[in-house]
Amino acid sequence: MPYTTELTAELNVLMQFNLKNEQDGIKIHNEAPEATIAAAKRLFDKGLISQDDGGYLTDLGRKAAEHTQDLNTIIK
């Protein structure tokens, strides 16, 4: 199954989290691209982030972000 545009946007949001410091959250601002805003809302609905505009990673979200960032490192 190929990556969809929506999934790619979600992966890009997960890439923004600093995994070295759990106190670092992110904020998706209103002027962000619509695809990024929608991706954050989907990640929130999936239980991966704490707020629909970013916030912090949940436990499951941390695992997803770790895998996302590891995959990015591998394929670069």
Protein backbone atom coordinates (compact mmCIF):
# COMPACT_ATOMS: atom_id res chain seq x y z
CA MET A 1 0.00 0.00 0.00
CA PRO A 2 1.61 3.29 -1.06
CA TYR A 3 1.74 6.29 1.25
CA THR A 4 -1.15 8.66 0.67
CA THR A 5 -0.87 12.43 0.77
CA GLU A 6 -2.73 12.41 4.09
CA LEU A 7 -0.41 9.82 5.63
CA THR A 8 2.64 11.71 4.43
CA ALA A 9 1.31 14.88 6.10
CA GLU A 10 0.82 12.95 9.36
CA LEU A 11 4.36 11.57 9.18
CA ASN A 12 5.67 15.09 8.60
CA VAL A 13 3.90 16.28 11.76
CA LEU A 14 5.41 13.40 13.76
CA MET A 15 8.84 14.40 12.44
CA GLN A 16 8.50 17.78 14.18
CA PHE A 17 8.57 16.33 17.70
CA ASN A 18 11.81 16.46 19.67
CA LEU A 19 12.19 12.94 21.04
CA LYS A 20 15.11 13.93 23.25
CA ASN A 21 12.88 16.11 25.43
CA GLU A 22 9.34 15.03 26.26
CA GLN A 23 8.61 18.54 27.56
CA ASP A 24 8.87 19.91 24.02
CA GLY A 25 5.49 19.91 22.37
CA ILE A 26 4.48 21.51 19.10
CA LYS A 27 1.83 24.01 18.09
CA ILE A 28 0.22 23.96 14.65
CA HIS A 29 -0.78 27.56 14.00
CA ASN A 30 -3.83 28.69 12.06
CA GLU A 31 -1.63 29.95 9.23
CA ALA A 32 -0.04 26.51 8.72
CA PRO A 33 -0.92 24.72 5.48
CA GLU A 34 -4.39 23.16 5.61
CA ALA A 35 -2.88 19.72 5.05
CA THR A 36 -0.77 20.13 8.22
CA ILE A 37 -3.73 21.33 10.28
CA ALA A 38 -5.83 18.40 9.08
CA ALA A 39 -2.98 15.95 9.74
CA ALA A 40 -2.68 17.13 13.34
CA LYS A 41 -6.41 16.67 13.84
CA ARG A 42 -6.21 13.11 12.46
CA LEU A 43 -3.27 12.31 14.75
CA PHE A 44 -5.29 13.62 17.69
CA ASP A 45 -8.29 11.51 16.66
CA LYS A 46 -5.99 8.46 16.48
CA GLY A 47 -4.74 9.16 20.00
CA LEU A 48 -1.17 9.98 18.99
CA ILE A 49 -1.04 13.60 20.16
CA SER A 50 -2.67 15.35 23.11
CA GLN A 51 -4.40 18.22 21.27
CA ASP A 52 -5.88 18.67 17.83
CA ASP A 53 -3.38 21.45 17.09
CA GLY A 54 -0.29 19.65 18.36
CA GLY A 55 0.46 19.51 22.03
CA TYR A 56 2.47 16.54 23.25
CA LEU A 57 2.92 12.97 22.13
CA THR A 58 0.90 10.30 23.88
CA ASP A 59 2.67 7.03 24.72
CA LEU A 60 1.45 5.55 21.44
CA GLY A 61 2.38 8.76 19.62
CA ARG A 62 5.91 8.59 20.98
CA LYS A 63 6.31 5.09 19.57
CA ALA A 64 4.93 6.25 16.22
CA ALA A 65 7.24 9.29 16.19
CA GLU A 66 10.24 7.12 17.07
CA HIS A 67 9.48 4.75 14.20
CA THR A 68 8.81 7.64 11.83
CA GLN A 69 12.06 9.38 12.69
CA ASP A 70 14.03 6.12 12.56
CA LEU A 71 12.62 5.32 9.12
CA ASN A 72 13.53 8.81 7.95
CA THR A 73 17.11 8.26 9.10
CA ILE A 74 17.32 4.87 7.41
CA ILE A 75 16.03 5.97 4.02
CA LYS A 76 18.00 9.22 3.84
